[in-house]
Protein backbone atom coordinates (compact mmCIF):
# COMPACT_ATOMS: atom_id res chain seq x y z
CA MET A 1 16.10 -0.68 -4.88
CA LEU A 2 12.26 -0.53 -5.55
CA LYS A 3 11.11 2.92 -6.46
CA ASN A 4 7.56 2.75 -6.76
CA ILE A 5 5.70 1.77 -4.06
CA ALA A 6 1.99 1.83 -3.89
CA VAL A 7 0.53 2.48 -0.71
CA PHE A 8 -2.91 1.26 0.29
CA CYS A 9 -4.25 2.65 3.35
CA GLY A 10 -8.51 4.70 4.36
CA SER A 11 -9.93 7.50 3.30
CA SER A 12 -12.12 7.56 6.45
CA LEU A 13 -12.07 10.93 7.98
CA HIS A 14 -12.37 9.62 11.54
CA SER A 15 -9.91 7.30 11.68
CA PRO A 16 -8.19 6.72 15.60
CA GLU A 17 -5.43 10.14 15.00
CA LYS A 18 -2.71 7.56 16.65
CA TYR A 19 -2.80 6.96 12.69
CA ASP A 20 -2.55 9.94 10.93
CA ALA A 21 1.59 10.65 12.77
CA VAL A 22 2.37 6.91 10.62
CA ALA A 23 0.61 7.92 7.72
CA ASP A 24 2.75 11.94 7.26
CA HIS A 25 6.12 9.26 8.18
CA VAL A 26 5.32 6.68 6.32
CA GLY A 27 5.17 9.27 2.48
CA ARG A 28 8.39 11.48 4.49
CA ALA A 29 9.81 7.69 5.04
CA LEU A 30 8.62 7.61 0.87
CA ALA A 31 10.84 11.00 -0.99
CA ARG A 32 13.50 10.85 1.76
CA GLN A 33 14.75 8.15 0.43
CA GLY A 34 13.58 8.73 -3.33
CA ARG A 35 11.15 6.65 -4.19
CA THR A 36 8.11 7.82 -5.38
CA LEU A 37 4.15 7.40 -4.08
CA VAL A 38 1.75 5.94 -5.80
CA TYR A 39 -1.87 5.88 -4.26
CA GLY A 40 -5.86 6.42 -4.75
CA SER A 41 -5.38 9.96 -5.27
CA GLY A 42 -7.81 10.69 -2.30
CA SER A 43 -6.55 13.88 0.20
CA GLY A 44 -8.89 12.27 3.59
CA GLY A 45 -8.04 9.83 5.64
CA LEU A 46 -4.65 7.34 5.95
CA MET A 47 -4.59 8.70 2.09
CA GLY A 48 -3.72 12.13 2.13
CA LYS A 49 -1.48 12.34 5.07
CA VAL A 50 0.54 9.76 3.47
CA ALA A 51 0.97 11.84 0.14
CA MET A 52 0.67 15.20 2.45
CA GLY A 53 3.97 13.98 3.23
CA ALA A 54 5.76 12.88 0.79
CA GLN A 55 4.82 16.51 -0.79
CA LYS A 56 6.06 17.98 2.49
CA GLU A 57 9.40 15.88 1.46
CA GLY A 58 9.61 17.39 -2.22
CA GLY A 59 8.80 13.39 -2.94
CA TYR A 60 7.29 12.21 -6.23
CA VAL A 61 3.26 11.39 -6.08
CA ILE A 62 1.23 9.35 -8.65
CA ALA A 63 -2.24 9.75 -7.84
CA VAL A 64 -4.36 6.97 -9.67
CA ASN A 65 -8.43 7.96 -8.80
CA VAL A 66 -12.00 6.49 -10.27
CA GLU A 67 -14.77 7.90 -12.50
CA VAL A 68 -17.54 7.01 -10.07
CA PHE A 69 -14.79 10.04 -7.83
CA ARG A 70 -13.38 12.51 -10.92
CA ASP A 71 -15.43 15.49 -9.53
CA TYR A 72 -14.72 14.82 -5.56
CA PRO A 73 -12.92 18.03 -3.89
CA TYR A 74 -10.77 15.32 -2.37
CA THR A 75 -8.33 15.25 -4.61
CA LEU A 76 -5.23 16.70 -4.22
CA LYS A 77 -2.73 18.50 -7.05
CA THR A 78 0.27 15.39 -7.95
CA ASP A 79 2.86 14.94 -10.08
CA GLU A 80 0.78 12.92 -12.24
CA TYR A 81 -3.09 12.17 -12.43
CA TYR A 82 -4.80 9.22 -13.87
CA VAL A 83 -8.95 8.36 -13.44
CA ILE A 84 -9.55 4.60 -14.41
CA ASP A 85 -12.67 3.66 -15.24
CA THR A 86 -13.32 1.02 -11.99
CA MET A 87 -12.31 -0.15 -8.91
CA GLN A 88 -10.31 -3.20 -10.13
CA ASN A 89 -8.93 -1.11 -13.02
CA ARG A 90 -7.88 0.81 -10.19
CA LYS A 91 -6.25 -1.82 -8.36
CA VAL A 92 -4.58 -3.27 -11.33
CA THR A 93 -2.91 0.08 -12.56
CA MET A 94 -1.76 0.39 -9.19
CA MET A 95 0.19 -2.14 -8.91
CA GLN A 96 1.38 -1.82 -13.21
CA LYS A 97 2.50 1.81 -11.69
CA SER A 98 4.99 0.29 -8.98
CA ASP A 99 7.76 -2.01 -7.57
CA ALA A 100 6.21 -3.25 -4.34
CA CYS A 101 3.21 -2.47 -2.53
CA ILE A 102 2.52 -2.53 1.46
CA ALA A 103 -1.15 -1.72 3.07
CA LEU A 104 -1.39 0.51 6.42
CA PRO A 105 -4.46 0.03 8.74
CA GLY A 106 -7.52 0.35 6.41
CA GLY A 107 -11.07 -0.96 5.94
CA ILE A 108 -12.51 -3.70 3.85
CA GLY A 109 -11.43 -1.60 0.34
CA THR A 110 -7.91 -1.44 1.66
CA LEU A 111 -8.11 -4.97 2.81
CA ASP A 112 -9.83 -5.26 -0.72
CA GLU A 113 -6.31 -3.91 -2.18
CA LEU A 114 -3.32 -6.22 -0.39
CA THR A 115 -5.92 -9.57 -0.32
CA GLU A 116 -5.70 -8.46 -5.11
CA VAL A 117 -2.10 -7.67 -4.29
CA CYS A 118 -1.12 -11.54 -2.56
CA CYS A 119 -3.82 -13.23 -4.73
CA ALA A 120 -2.63 -12.17 -7.96
CA ASN A 121 1.75 -13.45 -6.35
CA GLN A 122 -0.55 -16.45 -5.45
CA ILE A 123 -1.59 -17.44 -9.41
CA GLY A 124 1.18 -15.45 -11.52
CA LEU A 125 0.18 -13.16 -12.12
CA ALA A 126 1.85 -10.37 -10.26
CA ARG A 127 6.08 -10.46 -9.06
CA LEU A 128 5.70 -7.52 -6.78
CA PRO A 129 7.26 -7.30 -3.20
CA PHE A 130 4.37 -6.97 -0.77
CA GLY A 131 4.25 -5.43 3.22
CA ILE A 132 2.13 -5.07 5.39
CA LEU A 133 2.88 -2.48 8.08
CA ASN A 134 1.04 -3.68 11.46
CA THR A 135 1.19 -0.14 13.23
CA ASP A 136 -0.41 -0.63 16.96
CA GLY A 137 -0.38 -5.11 15.74
CA TYR A 138 -3.58 -3.23 13.63
CA TYR A 139 -3.11 -6.63 11.18
CA ASP A 140 -3.03 -8.96 14.42
CA GLY A 141 -6.13 -11.15 13.44
CA LEU A 142 -5.06 -10.74 9.60
CA LEU A 143 -1.44 -12.41 10.64
CA ALA A 144 -3.30 -15.41 12.01
CA GLN A 145 -6.03 -16.57 9.83
CA LEU A 146 -2.84 -16.47 7.31
CA ARG A 147 -1.32 -18.44 9.57
CA ARG A 148 -5.16 -20.30 9.64
CA ALA A 149 -4.58 -20.42 6.01
CA VAL A 150 -1.72 -22.35 5.52
CA GLU A 151 -2.80 -24.86 8.38
CA ASP A 152 -4.97 -26.06 6.99
CA ARG A 153 -2.86 -26.07 3.38
CA PHE A 154 -5.49 -23.14 2.29
CA MET A 155 -2.06 -21.00 1.23
CA SER A 156 1.36 -22.16 1.18
CA PRO A 157 3.90 -21.89 3.72
CA GLU A 158 6.08 -19.35 1.09
CA ASP A 159 2.71 -17.75 0.41
CA LEU A 160 2.82 -16.58 3.95
CA ALA A 161 6.45 -15.66 3.60
CA GLY A 162 6.16 -13.46 0.49
CA ILE A 163 3.99 -11.29 3.29
CA GLN A 164 6.96 -8.45 4.68
CA VAL A 165 5.28 -7.04 8.22
CA ALA A 166 6.15 -5.22 10.65
CA SER A 167 5.51 -2.14 12.60
CA ASP A 168 7.68 0.71 11.29
CA ILE A 169 8.20 2.02 7.17
CA GLU A 170 12.13 1.70 7.66
CA THR A 171 12.54 -1.01 8.62
CA LEU A 172 9.02 -2.95 6.01
CA LEU A 173 11.14 -0.56 3.05
CA GLN A 174 13.97 -2.58 3.33
CA LYS A 175 12.64 -6.28 3.54
CA LEU A 176 10.92 -5.03 0.73
CA ASP A 177 14.35 -3.86 -0.96
CA GLU A 178 16.07 -7.36 0.40
CA ALA A 179 12.80 -9.82 -1.51
CA ALA A 180 13.05 -8.00 -4.70
CA GLN A 181 16.77 -9.04 -4.84
CA GLU A 182 16.46 -12.78 -3.63
CA LYS A 183 13.42 -13.38 -6.46
CA PRO A 184 14.99 -15.07 -9.42
């Protein structure tokens, strides 16, 4: 079983409420399965919901903040807390502290994070199982674009197949565990 799971997701306070319960459930599911949450340290939006969900179930939470947000009042008390110099190094640190990464709905920052992991895996800088929680078809457009990238040979079919996709967290975690066992 993959132990440390990085979760990338939106921190906006204005996202639709339909994603709140999903984010809370993700945090709770990680904790119930004895997994550690690695996340971007915010208390707002889906980011906060995931962390608070994990904490409500007694889960272990690692927060990775960035220097520019050090003094913001939007952080939670966590089991481990790191402040990193740049957003780029924050992503690297989150990946280093994780056995796998998943993306929930989010904005441009989340898209940046998920493409960073995919690219690092593609060029061999990382070997992290990666998954997309495709809640309410949120990532259907991105997945269509990635299939187009394969069709036009900008991306290999193997790289696309390495991205696990599910609409519920339990299935996604199972797929990630299975993918990790298949990797040499």
